Amino acid sequence: MQGMSVPLHGERKGSAPAAAPLRHEVLGVRIAATDYERACAAVRQAALAGQPLTVTALAVHGVMTGALDAEHRHRLNALDLVVPDGQPVRWALNLLFRAGLSERVYGPELTLRVCRMAAAQGLPVAFYGSRQEVLDDLRAKLLQRIPGLKIVAMVPSRFRCVDRAEQAEIAASLSASGARILFVGLGCPRQETWLYEHRDLIPMPMLAVGAAFDFHAGRLPQAPPAMQRRGLEWLFRLASEPRRLWRRYLFLNPLYITLLLLQAAGLRRAPPPNAPAPKHLGYA
């Protein structure tokens, strides 16, 4: 058994885009067989309608956070649109489910495309996460690249957990900012947890895009396109940040391949459909 294929759907009325792509279970995590055009269209539709939409771009590390943790898998599978950020995730969709995807949906590139769409549509955007100095650089760099972009709020992370009252305060502030699209950069898996816990509090599309903040702020280098196409971005990032990332890549990448082979061979049991309800974490 290779895994389930299910229609893409959200948990809230009106939250899912029209003509939504199928989601396929890769190690129990439901990934949408989609591309940049359809992902941007879903964000645009929700933003124009003033409706919530939760979007995250998962590479191998993100998929493995769900594969190894039933509570977090529940969070990921409750999000509206989980796109294949990493080439190995796209390859899995193509090999196991014949998705026919010619390119991945890379979080930093999706960020730029959504920003260009927002500028063209006159949709204000906001950014939540990272540090103030990174956000300042990000604002300057994005406005250089996309002069028509209207950025109405840039709110740094509080780098701690908050209670539900403070969480509601943050959500109300972002909702009142005038933004129609919110980008979230808290790192994986914190940002996906944040989207899950705010999905009913903020009435706009929210995109968890991780390192896109640091990349577009000029704080971190991106892998050369040739390495990205060959699925070797992890090697470039490992060389750039070995002390922080060595456990992630040297342990999780081989485990991902092993579990994927077991799924392809029908030797890995599918996770139970009713995962336990996750505890509230209150990341901010």
C-alpha atoms as a PDB file:
ATOM      1  CA  MET A   1       0.000   0.000   0.000  1.00  0.00           C
ATOM      2  CA  GLN A   2       1.563   3.270  -1.103  1.00  0.00           C
ATOM      3  CA  GLY A   3      -0.645   5.628   0.883  1.00  0.00           C
ATOM      4  CA  MET A   4      -3.870   7.509   0.549  1.00  0.00           C
ATOM      5  CA  SER A   5      -4.881  10.142  -1.985  1.00  0.00           C
ATOM      6  CA  VAL A   6      -7.578  12.462  -0.746  1.00  0.00           C
ATOM      7  CA  PRO A   7      -9.195  15.654  -2.035  1.00  0.00           C
ATOM      8  CA  LEU A   8      -7.677  18.815  -0.667  1.00  0.00           C
ATOM      9  CA  HIS A   9      -9.978  20.355   1.877  1.00  0.00           C
ATOM     10  CA  GLY A  10      -9.890  22.726   4.820  1.00  0.00           C
ATOM     11  CA  GLU A  11     -11.646  22.461   8.135  1.00  0.00           C
ATOM     12  CA  ARG A  12     -13.457  25.809   7.776  1.00  0.00           C
ATOM     13  CA  LYS A  13     -16.305  26.663   5.462  1.00  0.00           C
ATOM     14  CA  GLY A  14     -15.037  28.385   2.343  1.00  0.00           C
ATOM     15  CA  SER A  15     -11.364  27.908   3.207  1.00  0.00           C
ATOM     16  CA  ALA A  16     -10.406  25.568   0.358  1.00  0.00           C
ATOM     17  CA  PRO A  17      -9.757  26.816  -3.179  1.00  0.00           C
ATOM     18  CA  ALA A  18     -11.865  25.787  -6.139  1.00  0.00           C
ATOM     19  CA  ALA A  19     -10.571  22.936  -8.290  1.00  0.00           C
ATOM     20  CA  ALA A  20      -8.230  21.926  -5.485  1.00  0.00           C
ATOM     21  CA  PRO A  21      -5.497  19.388  -6.223  1.00  0.00           C
ATOM     22  CA  LEU A  22      -5.392  15.957  -4.664  1.00  0.00           C
ATOM     23  CA  ARG A  23      -3.392  15.456  -1.509  1.00  0.00           C
ATOM     24  CA  HIS A  24      -1.267  12.325  -1.265  1.00  0.00           C
ATOM     25  CA  GLU A  25      -0.006  10.757   1.933  1.00  0.00           C
ATOM     26  CA  VAL A  26       3.776  10.777   2.028  1.00  0.00           C
ATOM     27  CA  LEU A  27       4.729   8.999   5.265  1.00  0.00           C
ATOM     28  CA  GLY A  28       1.302   9.942   6.618  1.00  0.00           C
ATOM     29  CA  VAL A  29       1.594  13.657   5.790  1.00  0.00           C
ATOM     30  CA  ARG A  30      -0.861  14.869   3.163  1.00  0.00           C
ATOM     31  CA  ILE A  31       1.016  16.789   0.469  1.00  0.00           C
ATOM     32  CA  ALA A  32      -0.823  18.592  -2.334  1.00  0.00           C
ATOM     33  CA  ALA A  33       0.123  17.676  -5.889  1.00  0.00           C
ATOM     34  CA  THR A  34       0.270  21.302  -6.954  1.00  0.00           C
ATOM     35  CA  ASP A  35       2.466  23.919  -8.591  1.00  0.00           C
ATOM     36  CA  TYR A  36       3.263  27.613  -8.195  1.00  0.00           C
ATOM     37  CA  GLU A  37       0.396  28.777 -10.382  1.00  0.00           C
ATOM     38  CA  ARG A  38      -2.295  26.891  -8.490  1.00  0.00           C
ATOM     39  CA  ALA A  39      -0.812  27.717  -5.091  1.00  0.00           C
ATOM     40  CA  CYS A  40      -0.723  31.439  -5.935  1.00  0.00           C
ATOM     41  CA  ALA A  41      -4.265  31.234  -7.307  1.00  0.00           C
ATOM     42  CA  ALA A  42      -5.492  29.690  -4.036  1.00  0.00           C
ATOM     43  CA  VAL A  43      -3.837  32.466  -2.022  1.00  0.00           C
ATOM     44  CA  ARG A  44      -5.229  35.147  -4.323  1.00  0.00           C
ATOM     45  CA  GLN A  45      -8.758  33.734  -4.106  1.00  0.00           C
ATOM     46  CA  ALA A  46      -8.695  33.615  -0.304  1.00  0.00           C
ATOM     47  CA  ALA A  47      -7.117  37.072   0.013  1.00  0.00           C
ATOM     48  CA  LEU A  48      -9.678  38.728  -2.272  1.00  0.00           C
ATOM     49  CA  ALA A  49     -12.518  37.010  -0.401  1.00  0.00           C
ATOM     50  CA  GLY A  50     -11.112  37.825   3.038  1.00  0.00           C
ATOM     51  CA  GLN A  51     -11.051  34.154   3.954  1.00  0.00           C
ATOM     52  CA  PRO A  52      -8.481  32.172   5.947  1.00  0.00           C
ATOM     53  CA  LEU A  53      -6.166  29.752   4.170  1.00  0.00           C
ATOM     54  CA  THR A  54      -3.205  28.004   5.823  1.00  0.00           C
ATOM     55  CA  VAL A  55      -0.276  27.169   3.544  1.00  0.00           C
ATOM     56  CA  THR A  56       3.092  25.622   4.299  1.00  0.00           C
ATOM     57  CA  ALA A  57       5.968  24.471   2.117  1.00  0.00           C
ATOM     58  CA  LEU A  58       7.551  21.253   3.393  1.00  0.00           C
ATOM     59  CA  ALA A  59      10.912  19.772   2.534  1.00  0.00           C
ATOM     60  CA  VAL A  60      12.150  16.433   3.917  1.00  0.00           C
ATOM     61  CA  HIS A  61      12.663  17.806   7.424  1.00  0.00           C
ATOM     62  CA  GLY A  62       9.108  19.132   7.531  1.00  0.00           C
ATOM     63  CA  VAL A  63       7.623  15.857   6.326  1.00  0.00           C
ATOM     64  CA  MET A  64       9.633  13.945   8.911  1.00  0.00           C
ATOM     65  CA  THR A  65       8.359  16.140  11.755  1.00  0.00           C
ATOM     66  CA  GLY A  66       4.917  14.766  10.934  1.00  0.00           C
ATOM     67  CA  ALA A  67       6.025  11.228  10.151  1.00  0.00           C
ATOM     68  CA  LEU A  68       7.663  10.849  13.573  1.00  0.00           C
ATOM     69  CA  ASP A  69       5.147  12.750  15.722  1.00  0.00           C
ATOM     70  CA  ALA A  70       1.449  11.855  15.612  1.00  0.00           C
ATOM     71  CA  GLU A  71       0.353  15.117  17.249  1.00  0.00           C
ATOM     72  CA  HIS A  72       2.274  17.231  14.769  1.00  0.00           C
ATOM     73  CA  ARG A  73       1.015  15.095  11.885  1.00  0.00           C
ATOM     74  CA  HIS A  74      -2.487  16.041  13.047  1.00  0.00           C
ATOM     75  CA  ARG A  75      -1.527  19.726  12.799  1.00  0.00           C
ATOM     76  CA  LEU A  76      -0.008  19.379   9.337  1.00  0.00           C
ATOM     77  CA  ASN A  77      -2.964  17.441   7.974  1.00  0.00           C
ATOM     78  CA  ALA A  78      -5.365  20.084   9.319  1.00  0.00           C
ATOM     79  CA  LEU A  79      -3.673  22.813   7.236  1.00  0.00           C
ATOM     80  CA  ASP A  80      -5.336  23.730   3.965  1.00  0.00           C
ATOM     81  CA  LEU A  81      -2.420  23.511   1.555  1.00  0.00           C
ATOM     82  CA  VAL A  82       0.862  21.655   2.164  1.00  0.00           C
ATOM     83  CA  VAL A  83       3.078  22.057  -0.896  1.00  0.00           C
ATOM     84  CA  PRO A  84       6.199  20.068  -1.888  1.00  0.00           C
ATOM     85  CA  ASP A  85       9.073  22.431  -1.082  1.00  0.00           C
ATOM     86  CA  GLY A  86      11.885  19.887  -1.407  1.00  0.00           C
ATOM     87  CA  GLN A  87      12.843  18.013  -4.545  1.00  0.00           C
ATOM     88  CA  PRO A  88      12.783  14.652  -2.673  1.00  0.00           C
ATOM     89  CA  VAL A  89       9.182  15.402  -1.669  1.00  0.00           C
ATOM     90  CA  ARG A  90       8.251  16.168  -5.283  1.00  0.00           C
ATOM     91  CA  TRP A  91      10.020  12.986  -6.409  1.00  0.00           C
ATOM     92  CA  ALA A  92       8.027  10.982  -3.864  1.00  0.00           C
ATOM     93  CA  LEU A  93       4.743  12.379  -5.226  1.00  0.00           C
ATOM     94  CA  ASN A  94       5.773  11.560  -8.773  1.00  0.00           C
ATOM     95  CA  LEU A  95       7.113   8.075  -8.055  1.00  0.00           C
ATOM     96  CA  LEU A  96       4.445   6.866  -5.660  1.00  0.00           C
ATOM     97  CA  PHE A  97       1.393   8.635  -7.068  1.00  0.00           C
ATOM     98  CA  ARG A  98       2.328   9.646 -10.633  1.00  0.00           C
ATOM     99  CA  ALA A  99       1.613  13.270  -9.784  1.00  0.00           C
ATOM    100  CA  GLY A 100       3.499  14.493 -12.857  1.00  0.00           C
ATOM    101  CA  LEU A 101       4.975  17.536 -11.112  1.00  0.00           C
ATOM    102  CA  SER A 102       7.704  19.176 -13.191  1.00  0.00           C
ATOM    103  CA  GLU A 103       8.924  21.449 -10.395  1.00  0.00           C
ATOM    104  CA  ARG A 104       8.693  21.800  -6.651  1.00  0.00           C
ATOM    105  CA  VAL A 105       6.945  24.671  -4.862  1.00  0.00           C
ATOM    106  CA  TYR A 106       9.942  26.204  -3.122  1.00  0.00           C
ATOM    107  CA  GLY A 107       8.984  28.411  -0.166  1.00  0.00           C
ATOM    108  CA  PRO A 108      11.312  31.348  -0.985  1.00  0.00           C
ATOM    109  CA  GLU A 109      10.199  31.379  -4.631  1.00  0.00           C
ATOM    110  CA  LEU A 110       6.538  31.046  -3.614  1.00  0.00           C
ATOM    111  CA  THR A 111       7.059  34.058  -1.340  1.00  0.00           C
ATOM    112  CA  LEU A 112       8.268  36.195  -4.256  1.00  0.00           C
ATOM    113  CA  ARG A 113       5.482  35.031  -6.556  1.00  0.00           C
ATOM    114  CA  VAL A 114       2.794  35.736  -3.980  1.00  0.00           C
ATOM    115  CA  CYS A 115       4.329  39.160  -3.283  1.00  0.00           C
ATOM    116  CA  ARG A 116       4.295  39.984  -6.997  1.00  0.00           C
ATOM    117  CA  MET A 117       0.692  38.841  -7.227  1.00  0.00           C
ATOM    118  CA  ALA A 118      -0.201  40.915  -4.148  1.00  0.00           C
ATOM    119  CA  ALA A 119       1.414  44.007  -5.669  1.00  0.00           C
ATOM    120  CA  ALA A 120      -0.455  43.501  -8.940  1.00  0.00           C
ATOM    121  CA  GLN A 121      -3.768  43.005  -7.113  1.00  0.00           C
ATOM    122  CA  GLY A 122      -3.231  45.832  -4.619  1.00  0.00           C
ATOM    123  CA  LEU A 123      -3.293  43.419  -1.668  1.00  0.00           C
ATOM    124  CA  PRO A 124      -1.331  44.599   1.409  1.00  0.00           C
ATOM    125  CA  VAL A 125       0.919  42.001   3.062  1.00  0.00           C
ATOM    126  CA  ALA A 126       2.394  41.478   6.525  1.00  0.00           C
ATOM    127  CA  PHE A 127       5.287  39.447   7.904  1.00  0.00           C
ATOM    128  CA  TYR A 128       5.450  37.737  11.286  1.00  0.00           C
ATOM    129  CA  GLY A 129       8.516  36.084  12.793  1.00  0.00           C
ATOM    130  CA  SER A 130      12.313  36.316  12.942  1.00  0.00           C
ATOM    131  CA  ARG A 131      14.121  39.321  14.452  1.00  0.00           C
ATOM    132  CA  GLN A 132      13.483  43.021  13.853  1.00  0.00           C
ATOM    133  CA  GLU A 133      16.826  43.563  12.106  1.00  0.00           C
ATOM    134  CA  VAL A 134      16.056  40.715   9.682  1.00  0.00           C
ATOM    135  CA  LEU A 135      12.602  42.170   9.014  1.00  0.00           C
ATOM    136  CA  ASP A 136      14.094  45.605   8.338  1.00  0.00           C
ATOM    137  CA  ASP A 137      16.468  44.127   5.758  1.00  0.00           C
ATOM    138  CA  LEU A 138      13.663  42.021   4.317  1.00  0.00           C
ATOM    139  CA  ARG A 139      11.455  45.075   3.826  1.00  0.00           C
ATOM    140  CA  ALA A 140      14.200  46.999   2.041  1.00  0.00           C
ATOM    141  CA  LYS A 141      15.165  44.093  -0.236  1.00  0.00           C
ATOM    142  CA  LEU A 142      11.583  43.198  -1.162  1.00  0.00           C
ATOM    143  CA  LEU A 143      10.667  46.796  -1.989  1.00  0.00           C
ATOM    144  CA  GLN A 144      13.719  46.987  -4.237  1.00  0.00           C
ATOM    145  CA  ARG A 145      12.607  43.871  -6.106  1.00  0.00           C
ATOM    146  CA  ILE A 146       8.859  44.577  -6.060  1.00  0.00           C
ATOM    147  CA  PRO A 147       8.362  48.374  -5.862  1.00  0.00           C
ATOM    148  CA  GLY A 148       4.561  48.162  -5.895  1.00  0.00           C
ATOM    149  CA  LEU A 149       4.395  45.872  -2.870  1.00  0.00           C
ATOM    150  CA  LYS A 150       2.505  47.351   0.089  1.00  0.00           C
ATOM    151  CA  ILE A 151       3.889  46.068   3.408  1.00  0.00           C
ATOM    152  CA  VAL A 152       1.659  47.157   6.291  1.00  0.00           C
ATOM    153  CA  ALA A 153       3.166  45.224   9.206  1.00  0.00           C
ATOM    154  CA  MET A 154       6.410  43.469  10.116  1.00  0.00           C
ATOM    155  CA  VAL A 155       6.191  41.897  13.560  1.00  0.00           C
ATOM    156  CA  PRO A 156       9.158  40.030  15.066  1.00  0.00           C
ATOM    157  CA  SER A 157       8.850  36.770  16.951  1.00  0.00           C
ATOM    158  CA  ARG A 158       8.646  36.949  20.731  1.00  0.00           C
ATOM    159  CA  PHE A 159      10.844  33.832  20.929  1.00  0.00           C
ATOM    160  CA  ARG A 160       8.782  32.278  23.707  1.00  0.00           C
ATOM    161  CA  CYS A 161       5.488  30.573  24.318  1.00  0.00           C
ATOM    162  CA  VAL A 162       2.433  32.655  25.170  1.00  0.00           C
ATOM    163  CA  ASP A 163      -0.926  31.936  26.752  1.00  0.00           C
ATOM    164  CA  ARG A 164      -4.165  31.999  24.803  1.00  0.00           C
ATOM    165  CA  ALA A 165      -4.941  35.600  25.812  1.00  0.00           C
ATOM    166  CA  GLU A 166      -1.634  36.902  24.454  1.00  0.00           C
ATOM    167  CA  GLN A 167      -2.038  34.712  21.396  1.00  0.00           C
ATOM    168  CA  ALA A 168      -5.436  36.296  20.743  1.00  0.00           C
ATOM    169  CA  GLU A 169      -3.858  39.737  21.184  1.00  0.00           C
ATOM    170  CA  ILE A 170      -1.215  38.969  18.550  1.00  0.00           C
ATOM    171  CA  ALA A 171      -3.859  37.632  16.182  1.00  0.00           C
ATOM    172  CA  ALA A 172      -6.080  40.704  16.675  1.00  0.00           C
ATOM    173  CA  SER A 173      -3.157  43.041  15.992  1.00  0.00           C
ATOM    174  CA  LEU A 174      -2.237  41.258  12.763  1.00  0.00           C
ATOM    175  CA  SER A 175      -5.883  41.109  11.677  1.00  0.00           C
ATOM    176  CA  ALA A 176      -6.259  44.861  12.291  1.00  0.00           C
ATOM    177  CA  SER A 177      -3.088  45.752  10.373  1.00  0.00           C
ATOM    178  CA  GLY A 178      -4.902  45.995   7.064  1.00  0.00           C
ATOM    179  CA  ALA A 179      -2.951  43.069   5.629  1.00  0.00           C
ATOM    180  CA  ARG A 180      -4.707  40.649   3.295  1.00  0.00           C
ATOM    181  CA  ILE A 181      -1.851  38.100   3.200  1.00  0.00           C
ATOM    182  CA  LEU A 182       0.437  37.090   6.072  1.00  0.00           C
ATOM    183  CA  PHE A 183       3.857  35.450   5.745  1.00  0.00           C
ATOM    184  CA  VAL A 184       5.099  33.524   8.790  1.00  0.00           C
ATOM    185  CA  GLY A 185       8.767  32.736   9.381  1.00  0.00           C
ATOM    186  CA  LEU A 186       9.307  30.916  12.661  1.00  0.00           C
ATOM    187  CA  GLY A 187      11.168  27.862  11.401  1.00  0.00           C
ATOM    188  CA  CYS A 188       9.900  24.317  11.122  1.00  0.00           C
ATOM    189  CA  PRO A 189       7.946  22.930  13.030  1.00  0.00           C
ATOM    190  CA  ARG A 190       7.146  26.054  15.080  1.00  0.00           C
ATOM    191  CA  GLN A 191       5.624  27.920  12.150  1.00  0.00           C
ATOM    192  CA  GLU A 192       3.282  25.075  11.201  1.00  0.00           C
ATOM    193  CA  THR A 193       2.167  24.857  14.837  1.00  0.00           C
ATOM    194  CA  TRP A 194       1.583  28.628  14.776  1.00  0.00           C
ATOM    195  CA  LEU A 195      -0.569  28.346  11.643  1.00  0.00           C
ATOM    196  CA  TYR A 196      -2.583  25.515  13.171  1.00  0.00           C
ATOM    197  CA  GLU A 197      -3.242  27.431  16.386  1.00  0.00           C
ATOM    198  CA  HIS A 198      -4.135  30.685  14.575  1.00  0.00           C
ATOM    199  CA  ARG A 199      -6.143  29.234  11.697  1.00  0.00           C
ATOM    200  CA  ASP A 200      -9.451  30.314  13.240  1.00  0.00           C
ATOM    201  CA  LEU A 201      -8.138  33.610  14.628  1.00  0.00           C
ATOM    202  CA  ILE A 202      -6.800  35.406  11.534  1.00  0.00           C
ATOM    203  CA  PRO A 203      -9.125  35.812   8.518  1.00  0.00           C
ATOM    204  CA  MET A 204      -6.553  35.876   5.726  1.00  0.00           C
ATOM    205  CA  PRO A 205      -4.239  33.464   3.918  1.00  0.00           C
ATOM    206  CA  MET A 206      -1.154  32.681   6.001  1.00  0.00           C
ATOM    207  CA  LEU A 207       1.970  31.158   4.459  1.00  0.00           C
ATOM    208  CA  ALA A 208       4.689  29.460   6.521  1.00  0.00           C
ATOM    209  CA  VAL A 209       7.835  30.006   4.469  1.00  0.00           C
ATOM    210  CA  GLY A 210      10.663  29.424   6.953  1.00  0.00           C
ATOM    211  CA  ALA A 211      14.099  30.465   5.749  1.00  0.00           C
ATOM    212  CA  ALA A 212      12.623  32.715   3.038  1.00  0.00           C
ATOM    213  CA  PHE A 213      12.872  35.636   5.487  1.00  0.00           C
ATOM    214  CA  ASP A 214      16.637  35.186   5.915  1.00  0.00           C
ATOM    215  CA  PHE A 215      17.224  34.399   2.233  1.00  0.00           C
ATOM    216  CA  HIS A 216      15.385  37.449   0.903  1.00  0.00           C
ATOM    217  CA  ALA A 217      16.823  39.687   3.622  1.00  0.00           C
ATOM    218  CA  GLY A 218      20.296  38.743   2.391  1.00  0.00           C
ATOM    219  CA  ARG A 219      21.172  37.102   5.697  1.00  0.00           C
ATOM    220  CA  LEU A 220      21.639  33.562   4.353  1.00  0.00           C
ATOM    221  CA  PRO A 221      22.967  32.435   0.965  1.00  0.00           C
ATOM    222  CA  GLN A 222      20.804  30.232  -1.248  1.00  0.00           C
ATOM    223  CA  ALA A 223      22.092  27.123  -2.959  1.00  0.00           C
ATOM    224  CA  PRO A 224      23.034  27.509  -6.634  1.00  0.00           C
ATOM    225  CA  PRO A 225      20.147  26.631  -8.989  1.00  0.00           C
ATOM    226  CA  ALA A 226      21.981  23.537 -10.260  1.00  0.00           C
ATOM    227  CA  MET A 227      22.208  22.124  -6.730  1.00  0.00           C
ATOM    228  CA  GLN A 228      18.546  22.970  -6.107  1.00  0.00           C
ATOM    229  CA  ARG A 229      17.424  21.141  -9.258  1.00  0.00           C
ATOM    230  CA  ARG A 230      19.360  18.027  -8.235  1.00  0.00           C
ATOM    231  CA  GLY A 231      17.951  17.929  -4.722  1.00  0.00           C
ATOM    232  CA  LEU A 232      21.283  18.933  -3.166  1.00  0.00           C
ATOM    233  CA  GLU A 233      20.191  22.093  -1.422  1.00  0.00           C
ATOM    234  CA  TRP A 234      20.487  20.221   1.889  1.00  0.00           C
ATOM    235  CA  LEU A 235      24.223  19.741   1.237  1.00  0.00           C
ATOM    236  CA  PHE A 236      24.720  23.448   0.591  1.00  0.00           C
ATOM    237  CA  ARG A 237      22.817  24.394   3.752  1.00  0.00           C
ATOM    238  CA  LEU A 238      24.724  21.788   5.783  1.00  0.00           C
ATOM    239  CA  ALA A 239      27.994  23.314   4.609  1.00  0.00           C
ATOM    240  CA  SER A 240      26.676  26.795   5.459  1.00  0.00           C
ATOM    241  CA  GLU A 241      25.359  25.934   8.943  1.00  0.00           C
ATOM    242  CA  PRO A 242      26.959  22.618   9.984  1.00  0.00           C
ATOM    243  CA  ARG A 243      26.593  23.029  13.759  1.00  0.00           C
ATOM    244  CA  ARG A 244      22.875  23.778  13.559  1.00  0.00           C
ATOM    245  CA  LEU A 245      21.853  21.413  10.774  1.00  0.00           C
ATOM    246  CA  TRP A 246      24.072  18.333  10.887  1.00  0.00           C
ATOM    247  CA  ARG A 247      21.639  16.218  12.941  1.00  0.00           C
ATOM    248  CA  ARG A 248      18.708  17.195  10.724  1.00  0.00           C
ATOM    249  CA  TYR A 249      20.316  16.121   7.479  1.00  0.00           C
ATOM    250  CA  LEU A 250      22.589  13.252   8.485  1.00  0.00           C
ATOM    251  CA  PHE A 251      19.863  11.417  10.424  1.00  0.00           C
ATOM    252  CA  LEU A 252      16.573  12.474   8.866  1.00  0.00           C
ATOM    253  CA  ASN A 253      17.512  12.242   5.186  1.00  0.00           C
ATOM    254  CA  PRO A 254      18.499   8.531   5.302  1.00  0.00           C
ATOM    255  CA  LEU A 255      15.487   7.771   7.489  1.00  0.00           C
ATOM    256  CA  TYR A 256      13.190   9.524   5.002  1.00  0.00           C
ATOM    257  CA  ILE A 257      14.535   7.393   2.153  1.00  0.00           C
ATOM    258  CA  THR A 258      14.205   4.204   4.211  1.00  0.00           C
ATOM    259  CA  LEU A 259      10.619   4.903   5.239  1.00  0.00           C
ATOM    260  CA  LEU A 260       9.703   5.954   1.712  1.00  0.00           C
ATOM    261  CA  LEU A 261      11.035   2.660   0.315  1.00  0.00           C
ATOM    262  CA  LEU A 262       9.002   0.774   2.914  1.00  0.00           C
ATOM    263  CA  GLN A 263       5.882   2.735   1.915  1.00  0.00           C
ATOM    264  CA  ALA A 264       6.510   2.040  -1.771  1.00  0.00           C
ATOM    265  CA  ALA A 265       6.900  -1.672  -1.043  1.00  0.00           C
ATOM    266  CA  GLY A 266       3.742  -1.758   1.060  1.00  0.00           C
ATOM    267  CA  LEU A 267       5.713  -2.692   4.161  1.00  0.00           C
ATOM    268  CA  ARG A 268       5.017   0.441   6.200  1.00  0.00           C
ATOM    269  CA  ARG A 269       1.711   0.482   8.001  1.00  0.00           C
ATOM    270  CA  ALA A 270      -0.354   3.606   7.375  1.00  0.00           C
ATOM    271  CA  PRO A 271      -0.846   5.753  10.490  1.00  0.00           C
ATOM    272  CA  PRO A 272      -4.303   5.628  12.096  1.00  0.00           C
ATOM    273  CA  PRO A 273      -6.715   8.148  10.561  1.00  0.00           C
ATOM    274  CA  ASN A 274      -7.746   9.607  13.912  1.00  0.00           C
ATOM    275  CA  ALA A 275      -4.550  11.095  15.300  1.00  0.00           C
ATOM    276  CA  PRO A 276      -4.646  12.419  18.858  1.00  0.00           C
ATOM    277  CA  ALA A 277      -5.665  16.062  19.201  1.00  0.00           C
ATOM    278  CA  PRO A 278      -2.440  18.024  19.707  1.00  0.00           C
ATOM    279  CA  LYS A 279      -1.760  19.981  22.873  1.00  0.00           C
ATOM    280  CA  HIS A 280      -1.654  23.754  22.717  1.00  0.00           C
ATOM    281  CA  LEU A 281       1.930  25.057  22.552  1.00  0.00           C
ATOM    282  CA  GLY A 282       1.505  28.809  22.128  1.00  0.00           C
ATOM    283  CA  TYR A 283       4.628  29.514  20.078  1.00  0.00           C
ATOM    284  CA  ALA A 284       5.177  33.210  19.380  1.00  0.00           C
END
